[in-house]
């Protein structure tokens, strides 16, 4: 995938969104793990905790992109097609 350079505003935005995703995913995930451990087998709490892991992973990707100043982008149109 091609990479795009980010300006300072986008780097700040990605950093804030990544930090919010990691922080909130961590807090909610820890709470759900505690609930799942206390009332085992509580499958909905375990599923939410697993989903929080995915949210944290996405937040880390955003933070990594903000730190490096480059992020991978997907092409939305075919090369050579003019609009």
C-alpha atoms as a PDB file:
ATOM      1  CA  UNK A   1       0.000   0.000   0.000  1.00  0.00           C
ATOM      2  CA  UNK A   2       1.293   3.472  -0.731  1.00  0.00           C
ATOM      3  CA  UNK A   3       2.124   5.776   2.167  1.00  0.00           C
ATOM      4  CA  UNK A   4       1.067   9.381   2.593  1.00  0.00           C
ATOM      5  CA  UNK A   5       2.993  12.099   4.438  1.00  0.00           C
ATOM      6  CA  UNK A   6       1.072  13.789   7.259  1.00  0.00           C
ATOM      7  CA  UNK A   7       1.209  17.451   8.172  1.00  0.00           C
ATOM      8  CA  UNK A   8       1.386  18.634  11.787  1.00  0.00           C
ATOM      9  CA  UNK A   9      -2.397  18.945  12.185  1.00  0.00           C
ATOM     10  CA  UNK A  10      -3.075  15.402  11.015  1.00  0.00           C
ATOM     11  CA  UNK A  11      -0.264  14.052  13.169  1.00  0.00           C
ATOM     12  CA  UNK A  12      -1.800  15.753  16.196  1.00  0.00           C
ATOM     13  CA  UNK A  13      -5.263  14.442  15.331  1.00  0.00           C
ATOM     14  CA  UNK A  14      -4.006  10.881  14.853  1.00  0.00           C
ATOM     15  CA  UNK A  15      -2.060  11.085  18.105  1.00  0.00           C
ATOM     16  CA  UNK A  16      -5.097  12.257  20.071  1.00  0.00           C
ATOM     17  CA  UNK A  17      -7.393   9.642  18.514  1.00  0.00           C
ATOM     18  CA  UNK A  18      -4.831   6.899  19.097  1.00  0.00           C
ATOM     19  CA  UNK A  19      -4.321   7.899  22.726  1.00  0.00           C
ATOM     20  CA  UNK A  20      -8.085   7.984  23.325  1.00  0.00           C
ATOM     21  CA  UNK A  21      -8.488   4.538  21.725  1.00  0.00           C
ATOM     22  CA  UNK A  22      -5.667   2.999  23.765  1.00  0.00           C
ATOM     23  CA  UNK A  23      -6.792   4.616  27.016  1.00  0.00           C
ATOM     24  CA  UNK A  24     -10.498   3.883  26.745  1.00  0.00           C
ATOM     25  CA  UNK A  25      -9.902   0.386  25.372  1.00  0.00           C
ATOM     26  CA  UNK A  26      -7.583  -0.365  28.262  1.00  0.00           C
ATOM     27  CA  UNK A  27      -9.981   0.885  30.931  1.00  0.00           C
ATOM     28  CA  UNK A  28     -13.055  -0.846  29.506  1.00  0.00           C
ATOM     29  CA  UNK A  29     -11.076  -4.011  28.734  1.00  0.00           C
ATOM     30  CA  UNK A  30      -9.669  -4.214  32.272  1.00  0.00           C
ATOM     31  CA  UNK A  31     -13.130  -3.726  33.744  1.00  0.00           C
ATOM     32  CA  UNK A  32     -14.617  -6.431  31.545  1.00  0.00           C
ATOM     33  CA  UNK A  33     -11.794  -8.854  32.329  1.00  0.00           C
ATOM     34  CA  UNK A  34     -12.424  -8.302  36.035  1.00  0.00           C
ATOM     35  CA  UNK A  35     -16.161  -8.936  35.559  1.00  0.00           C
ATOM     36  CA  UNK A  36     -15.480 -12.040  33.465  1.00  0.00           C
ATOM     37  CA  UNK A  37     -13.048 -13.407  36.069  1.00  0.00           C
ATOM     38  CA  UNK A  38     -15.451 -12.751  38.932  1.00  0.00           C
ATOM     39  CA  UNK A  39     -18.552 -14.284  37.336  1.00  0.00           C
ATOM     40  CA  UNK A  40     -17.044 -17.046  35.195  1.00  0.00           C
ATOM     41  CA  UNK A  41     -18.436 -18.162  32.689  1.00  0.00           C
ATOM     42  CA  UNK A  42     -19.614 -14.698  31.613  1.00  0.00           C
ATOM     43  CA  UNK A  43     -19.200 -14.877  27.835  1.00  0.00           C
ATOM     44  CA  UNK A  44     -20.449 -11.387  26.913  1.00  0.00           C
ATOM     45  CA  UNK A  45     -17.853  -9.790  29.194  1.00  0.00           C
ATOM     46  CA  UNK A  46     -15.117 -11.956  27.682  1.00  0.00           C
ATOM     47  CA  UNK A  47     -16.242 -10.998  24.161  1.00  0.00           C
ATOM     48  CA  UNK A  48     -16.184  -7.282  25.024  1.00  0.00           C
ATOM     49  CA  UNK A  49     -12.714  -7.660  26.536  1.00  0.00           C
ATOM     50  CA  UNK A  50     -11.490  -9.315  23.324  1.00  0.00           C
ATOM     51  CA  UNK A  51     -13.010  -6.501  21.253  1.00  0.00           C
ATOM     52  CA  UNK A  52     -11.225  -3.963  23.459  1.00  0.00           C
ATOM     53  CA  UNK A  53      -7.982  -5.670  22.477  1.00  0.00           C
ATOM     54  CA  UNK A  54      -8.780  -4.935  18.837  1.00  0.00           C
ATOM     55  CA  UNK A  55      -9.540  -1.290  19.715  1.00  0.00           C
ATOM     56  CA  UNK A  56      -6.202  -0.979  21.531  1.00  0.00           C
ATOM     57  CA  UNK A  57      -4.408  -2.512  18.535  1.00  0.00           C
ATOM     58  CA  UNK A  58      -5.991   0.082  16.231  1.00  0.00           C
ATOM     59  CA  UNK A  59      -5.020   2.875  18.601  1.00  0.00           C
ATOM     60  CA  UNK A  60      -1.412   1.691  18.606  1.00  0.00           C
ATOM     61  CA  UNK A  61      -1.415   1.725  14.788  1.00  0.00           C
ATOM     62  CA  UNK A  62      -2.688   5.324  14.857  1.00  0.00           C
ATOM     63  CA  UNK A  63      -0.023   6.334  17.396  1.00  0.00           C
ATOM     64  CA  UNK A  64       2.687   4.679  15.313  1.00  0.00           C
ATOM     65  CA  UNK A  65       1.522   6.591  12.232  1.00  0.00           C
ATOM     66  CA  UNK A  66       1.433   9.865  14.149  1.00  0.00           C
ATOM     67  CA  UNK A  67       4.939   9.311  15.481  1.00  0.00           C
ATOM     68  CA  UNK A  68       6.454   8.461  12.106  1.00  0.00           C
ATOM     69  CA  UNK A  69       4.511  11.104  10.151  1.00  0.00           C
ATOM     70  CA  UNK A  70       3.506   8.597   7.457  1.00  0.00           C
ATOM     71  CA  UNK A  71       0.448   6.379   7.176  1.00  0.00           C
ATOM     72  CA  UNK A  72      -0.549   3.706   4.679  1.00  0.00           C
ATOM     73  CA  UNK A  73      -3.524   4.620   2.501  1.00  0.00           C
ATOM     74  CA  UNK A  74      -5.647   2.539   0.159  1.00  0.00           C
ATOM     75  CA  UNK A  75      -6.296   3.734  -3.383  1.00  0.00           C
ATOM     76  CA  UNK A  76      -9.978   4.387  -3.921  1.00  0.00           C
ATOM     77  CA  UNK A  77      -9.898   4.486  -7.711  1.00  0.00           C
ATOM     78  CA  UNK A  78      -8.082   2.644 -10.437  1.00  0.00           C
ATOM     79  CA  UNK A  79      -4.868   4.200 -11.767  1.00  0.00           C
ATOM     80  CA  UNK A  80      -5.426   6.007 -15.031  1.00  0.00           C
ATOM     81  CA  UNK A  81      -9.132   6.655 -14.598  1.00  0.00           C
ATOM     82  CA  UNK A  82      -9.854  10.368 -14.784  1.00  0.00           C
ATOM     83  CA  UNK A  83     -12.699  12.000 -12.917  1.00  0.00           C
END
